[in-house]
Protein backbone atom coordinates (compact mmCIF):
# COMPACT_ATOMS: atom_id res chain seq x y z
CA MET A 1 -91.26 -49.67 7.48
CA LYS A 2 -93.13 -48.99 10.53
CA LYS A 3 -96.56 -48.51 10.41
CA VAL A 4 -99.32 -46.20 12.69
CA ILE A 5 -102.92 -45.03 12.69
CA SER A 6 -104.67 -42.19 13.28
CA ILE A 7 -108.12 -42.60 14.33
CA ALA A 8 -109.60 -38.96 14.40
CA GLY A 9 -111.68 -36.01 12.64
CA SER A 10 -111.05 -34.82 9.14
CA ASP A 11 -109.93 -30.98 8.77
CA CYS A 12 -111.00 -30.03 5.47
CA SER A 13 -108.13 -27.04 5.68
CA GLY A 14 -105.92 -29.58 6.08
CA GLY A 15 -103.81 -28.16 9.73
CA ALA A 16 -105.58 -30.21 12.39
CA GLY A 17 -106.95 -34.04 12.20
CA ILE A 18 -106.32 -36.58 10.35
CA GLN A 19 -104.49 -33.96 7.70
CA ALA A 20 -101.87 -33.01 10.15
CA ASP A 21 -101.57 -36.80 11.40
CA LEU A 22 -100.73 -37.90 7.81
CA LYS A 23 -97.91 -35.28 7.27
CA THR A 24 -96.56 -35.57 10.61
CA PHE A 25 -96.29 -39.71 10.06
CA ALA A 26 -94.76 -39.06 6.39
CA ALA A 27 -91.97 -36.24 7.95
CA HIS A 28 -91.47 -39.25 10.12
CA GLY A 29 -90.85 -42.13 7.70
CA VAL A 30 -93.46 -44.38 8.56
CA TYR A 31 -96.57 -45.80 7.09
CA GLY A 32 -99.31 -43.28 8.04
CA MET A 33 -103.21 -45.17 7.99
CA SER A 34 -106.47 -43.29 9.10
CA VAL A 35 -109.39 -43.92 10.32
CA ILE A 36 -111.85 -41.09 10.03
CA VAL A 37 -114.72 -40.43 13.31
CA SER A 38 -115.59 -37.00 12.04
CA VAL A 39 -115.69 -35.37 9.16
CA VAL A 40 -115.15 -31.64 10.09
CA ALA A 41 -115.94 -28.54 8.14
CA GLU A 42 -113.27 -26.08 9.86
CA ASN A 43 -110.63 -23.64 8.50
CA THR A 44 -108.31 -20.88 10.15
CA SER A 45 -110.86 -19.35 11.59
CA ARG A 46 -113.81 -21.28 13.01
CA VAL A 47 -115.71 -24.60 12.77
CA ILE A 48 -118.70 -24.44 10.44
CA GLY A 49 -120.01 -28.24 11.06
CA VAL A 50 -119.34 -31.48 11.97
CA HIS A 51 -120.89 -34.68 10.73
CA ASP A 52 -120.24 -37.91 12.80
CA VAL A 53 -119.26 -41.43 11.23
CA SER A 54 -121.43 -44.20 11.78
CA PRO A 55 -120.10 -46.49 14.74
CA GLU A 56 -120.61 -49.37 12.34
CA ILE A 57 -118.28 -47.83 9.63
CA ILE A 58 -115.56 -46.55 12.53
CA GLU A 59 -115.37 -50.36 13.69
CA LYS A 60 -115.18 -51.26 10.07
CA GLN A 61 -112.28 -49.04 9.00
CA ILE A 62 -110.56 -50.16 12.24
CA ASP A 63 -111.24 -53.98 11.10
CA ALA A 64 -109.99 -53.67 7.42
CA ILE A 65 -106.36 -51.94 8.52
CA PHE A 66 -105.93 -54.66 11.57
CA GLU A 67 -106.92 -57.58 9.59
CA ASP A 68 -104.81 -56.89 6.70
CA ILE A 69 -101.85 -54.66 7.86
CA GLY A 70 -101.48 -53.79 10.97
CA THR A 71 -99.79 -51.14 13.50
CA ASP A 72 -96.77 -50.52 15.53
CA ALA A 73 -98.33 -47.28 16.96
CA VAL A 74 -101.61 -45.70 17.30
CA LYS A 75 -102.71 -41.93 17.41
CA VAL A 76 -106.38 -41.30 18.98
CA GLY A 77 -107.84 -38.19 18.13
CA MET A 78 -111.31 -35.96 18.25
CA LEU A 79 -114.00 -38.23 19.15
CA SER A 80 -117.02 -35.93 19.67
CA GLN A 81 -119.63 -38.23 21.26
CA SER A 82 -120.16 -41.23 23.79
CA VAL A 83 -121.02 -43.38 20.53
CA CYS A 84 -118.16 -42.97 18.72
CA MET A 85 -115.72 -43.67 21.73
CA LYS A 86 -117.32 -46.96 22.51
CA ALA A 87 -116.93 -47.95 18.95
CA VAL A 88 -113.02 -47.09 18.89
CA ALA A 89 -112.52 -48.78 22.74
CA ARG A 90 -114.72 -51.59 21.44
CA LYS A 91 -111.92 -52.31 18.52
CA LEU A 92 -108.78 -51.24 20.67
CA ARG A 93 -109.94 -53.91 23.37
CA GLU A 94 -109.92 -56.28 20.72
CA TYR A 95 -107.01 -55.96 19.16
CA ARG A 96 -104.48 -54.81 21.54
CA PRO A 97 -102.42 -52.80 19.60
CA ARG A 98 -99.00 -51.23 20.81
CA ASN A 99 -98.36 -47.50 22.09
CA VAL A 100 -101.53 -46.30 21.84
CA VAL A 101 -101.23 -42.34 22.10
CA ILE A 102 -104.64 -40.34 23.05
CA ASP A 103 -105.10 -36.61 22.32
CA PRO A 104 -108.53 -36.14 24.13
CA VAL A 105 -109.30 -33.08 21.88
CA MET A 106 -112.24 -30.94 23.27
CA VAL A 107 -111.76 -27.83 21.64
CA ALA A 108 -110.49 -26.41 18.33
CA LYS A 109 -107.66 -24.21 17.93
CA ASN A 110 -110.58 -20.87 17.48
CA GLY A 111 -112.36 -22.11 20.68
CA CYS A 112 -114.82 -24.01 19.18
CA PRO A 113 -116.53 -27.28 20.99
CA LEU A 114 -114.70 -30.57 19.05
CA MET A 115 -116.40 -32.99 22.02
CA GLN A 116 -119.75 -33.09 23.37
CA PRO A 117 -120.08 -32.07 26.77
CA ASN A 118 -121.82 -34.87 28.10
CA SER A 119 -119.47 -37.26 27.24
CA MET A 120 -116.90 -36.48 29.56
CA ASP A 121 -117.67 -39.45 31.48
CA THR A 122 -117.53 -41.74 28.48
CA LEU A 123 -113.60 -40.38 27.75
CA ILE A 124 -112.83 -41.17 31.26
CA CYS A 125 -114.63 -44.73 31.87
CA GLU A 126 -113.86 -46.13 28.09
CA ILE A 127 -110.96 -44.32 26.62
CA LEU A 128 -108.68 -43.27 28.79
CA PRO A 129 -107.40 -46.63 30.49
CA LEU A 130 -106.72 -47.52 27.28
CA ALA A 131 -104.20 -44.74 27.09
CA ASP A 132 -100.29 -45.74 27.06
CA LEU A 133 -100.31 -42.06 26.63
CA LEU A 134 -102.27 -39.34 27.52
CA THR A 135 -101.82 -35.79 26.22
CA PRO A 136 -103.90 -33.24 27.67
CA ASN A 137 -103.35 -29.48 27.29
CA ILE A 138 -103.92 -27.52 30.50
CA PRO A 139 -107.62 -27.16 30.02
CA GLU A 140 -108.35 -30.47 29.46
CA ALA A 141 -106.26 -31.69 32.18
CA GLU A 142 -108.79 -28.92 34.31
CA LYS A 143 -111.72 -31.12 32.95
CA ILE A 144 -110.30 -34.60 33.32
CA ALA A 145 -108.73 -34.18 36.76
CA GLY A 146 -111.52 -31.72 38.27
CA MET A 147 -108.97 -29.02 39.70
CA ALA A 148 -107.88 -25.77 38.55
CA ILE A 149 -104.00 -25.74 37.04
CA SER A 150 -102.41 -22.30 37.32
CA SER A 151 -98.99 -24.23 38.34
CA ILE A 152 -96.04 -26.46 37.42
CA ALA A 153 -96.98 -27.95 40.92
CA ASP A 154 -100.89 -28.55 40.04
CA MET A 155 -99.96 -29.53 36.37
CA GLU A 156 -98.06 -32.62 38.32
CA ARG A 157 -100.96 -33.20 40.62
CA ALA A 158 -102.90 -33.23 37.51
CA ALA A 159 -100.86 -35.43 35.86
CA LYS A 160 -100.91 -37.51 38.93
CA GLN A 161 -104.75 -37.79 39.23
CA ILE A 162 -105.42 -38.47 35.68
CA ALA A 163 -102.91 -41.69 36.00
CA GLY A 164 -105.29 -42.72 38.52
CA LEU A 165 -108.12 -42.85 36.65
CA GLY A 166 -105.99 -45.46 34.08
CA ALA A 167 -103.91 -44.04 31.85
CA LYS A 168 -100.47 -45.53 31.86
CA ASN A 169 -98.42 -42.11 31.31
CA VAL A 170 -99.50 -39.26 31.21
CA LEU A 171 -98.34 -35.74 29.73
CA VAL A 172 -99.79 -32.72 30.72
CA LYS A 173 -99.23 -29.60 27.55
CA GLY A 174 -98.06 -26.22 28.94
CA GLY A 175 -98.89 -24.40 25.40
CA HIS A 176 -101.85 -22.88 27.29
CA ALA A 177 -99.66 -21.49 29.99
CA VAL A 178 -97.33 -18.47 30.05
CA GLY A 179 -93.23 -18.50 30.15
CA ASP A 180 -91.78 -21.09 28.25
CA ALA A 181 -93.76 -24.32 26.78
CA LEU A 182 -92.92 -26.14 29.46
CA ASP A 183 -94.65 -29.97 29.42
CA ILE A 184 -94.50 -32.28 32.28
CA LEU A 185 -94.53 -36.10 31.74
CA PHE A 186 -95.54 -38.29 34.63
CA ASP A 187 -94.62 -42.13 34.22
CA GLY A 188 -96.49 -43.43 37.50
CA ALA A 189 -93.71 -42.92 39.55
CA LYS A 190 -91.32 -40.02 37.90
CA PHE A 191 -91.88 -36.71 36.22
CA TYR A 192 -89.83 -35.70 33.29
CA ARG A 193 -89.79 -32.10 31.99
CA PHE A 194 -89.52 -31.09 28.46
CA SER A 195 -89.16 -27.24 27.88
CA ALA A 196 -88.90 -24.69 24.74
CA GLU A 197 -88.68 -21.00 24.68
CA ARG A 198 -92.50 -20.08 23.78
CA ILE A 199 -92.51 -18.63 19.83
CA ASP A 200 -94.60 -15.81 19.22
CA THR A 201 -97.01 -16.60 16.75
CA LYS A 202 -100.35 -17.13 16.08
CA ASN A 203 -99.95 -20.05 13.61
CA THR A 204 -100.58 -22.92 15.55
CA HIS A 205 -103.59 -24.50 14.18
CA GLY A 206 -103.49 -28.40 15.01
CA THR A 207 -100.33 -28.33 17.42
CA GLY A 208 -101.75 -31.31 19.61
CA CYS A 209 -102.52 -33.21 16.78
CA THR A 210 -98.77 -32.69 15.42
CA TYR A 211 -97.40 -33.20 18.64
CA SER A 212 -99.13 -36.57 19.47
CA SER A 213 -98.71 -38.16 16.13
CA ALA A 214 -94.62 -37.33 16.44
CA ILE A 215 -94.76 -38.98 19.86
CA ALA A 216 -96.91 -42.03 18.53
CA SER A 217 -94.36 -42.22 14.93
CA ASN A 218 -91.26 -42.16 17.35
CA LEU A 219 -92.40 -44.76 19.84
CA ALA A 220 -93.06 -47.08 16.46
CA LEU A 221 -89.84 -46.44 15.64
CA GLY A 222 -88.52 -47.96 18.66
CA PHE A 223 -87.49 -45.21 20.95
CA ASP A 224 -88.86 -45.29 24.46
CA LEU A 225 -91.25 -42.68 25.69
CA GLU A 226 -89.13 -40.13 27.16
CA GLU A 227 -87.08 -39.69 24.07
CA ALA A 228 -90.23 -39.95 21.85
CA VAL A 229 -91.72 -37.02 23.61
CA LYS A 230 -87.86 -35.60 23.32
CA ARG A 231 -87.96 -35.73 19.84
CA ALA A 232 -92.10 -34.91 19.28
CA LYS A 233 -91.55 -31.91 20.95
CA ASN A 234 -88.63 -30.74 18.87
CA TYR A 235 -90.29 -31.48 15.92
CA VAL A 236 -93.33 -29.31 17.27
CA THR A 237 -91.19 -26.64 18.43
CA ALA A 238 -90.03 -26.44 14.66
CA ALA A 239 -93.15 -26.83 12.78
CA ILE A 240 -94.57 -23.67 15.14
CA ARG A 241 -91.22 -21.84 14.37
CA HIS A 242 -91.19 -21.93 10.59
CA SER A 243 -95.48 -22.18 10.85
CA LEU A 244 -97.39 -21.22 7.39
CA PRO A 245 -99.56 -17.61 7.56
CA ILE A 246 -102.42 -19.56 5.73
CA GLY A 247 -105.70 -18.30 5.70
CA LYS A 248 -106.95 -15.44 7.53
CA GLY A 249 -107.24 -16.69 11.37
CA CYS A 250 -104.68 -19.45 13.05
CA GLY A 251 -102.65 -21.04 10.43
CA PRO A 252 -101.17 -24.31 10.39
CA THR A 253 -97.46 -25.46 11.48
CA ASN A 254 -94.75 -26.48 8.87
CA HIS A 255 -95.23 -29.98 9.19
CA PHE A 256 -92.40 -30.53 6.65
CA TYR A 257 -90.13 -27.59 7.32
CA ASP A 258 -87.07 -29.65 7.65
CA LEU A 259 -87.48 -31.87 5.11
CA TYR A 260 -88.16 -29.08 2.64
CA ARG A 261 -84.96 -27.04 4.14
CA ASN A 262 -82.83 -30.54 3.83
CA GLY A 263 -84.23 -33.54 2.32
CA LEU A 264 -85.70 -31.95 -1.10
CA GLN A 265 -82.71 -29.48 -1.60
CA LYS A 266 -79.82 -32.48 -1.29
CA GLU A 267 -82.03 -34.79 -3.62
CA VAL A 268 -82.46 -32.01 -6.38
CA GLN A 269 -78.72 -31.32 -5.83
CA SER A 270 -77.76 -35.06 -6.18
CA ASN A 271 -79.50 -35.22 -9.19
CA GLU A 272 -77.90 -32.23 -10.50
CA VAL A 273 -74.66 -33.56 -10.18
């Protein structure tokens, strides 16, 4: 079985962060592992508090996995401050894993900040160059590239600029734009476009986490980058289309919709025969 690790924050409400990542890994049939960088007290409406794990324990969690199990892909999510980023960067440079997908999480779906503003330079200098794929949404891409994005051409320019900072591949996600949900992948030479119908729902908590984890899962399964993004786009779109009206705010996506609809039903039917 292929193995994937998530290095990110924990979301106690289960819709984003480590919890969303592990659900996504399971839905793709890969073995999921986690390194918790921050414990986040949040729900569908707000972030109540954040407690960062010490850099020493972050590093020891990573050591525990790589000295024993290893991994076929790595997803990096919320890194709230510079000391956390540097701890993760040290270990990624030490172990040099393949298929590192980095989602530069800055703000929760409800608008609450999840990364300290003074950590941006560390993110760019320490974390970004380690990315085989960086997956910023439009607001994140604007901050990293230092430019406004208001068109597809802007998305392409931002992707090029971010690649120039060291990321091997950049996927600028268009979920914050209008019209169809268009994402643009830049591989250093060519642009690829991935489009899906925009779904009218407020229940999109954890979509960025889910998307990046799905890409990491597909890379671990052996798909090339273009195909991995295509499959992940289809997966997250279905998860949003069948999202769950849980909580009072932005509910979570449905990570196991396809499994519930097909896999479990088939298993039950076979047991009944």
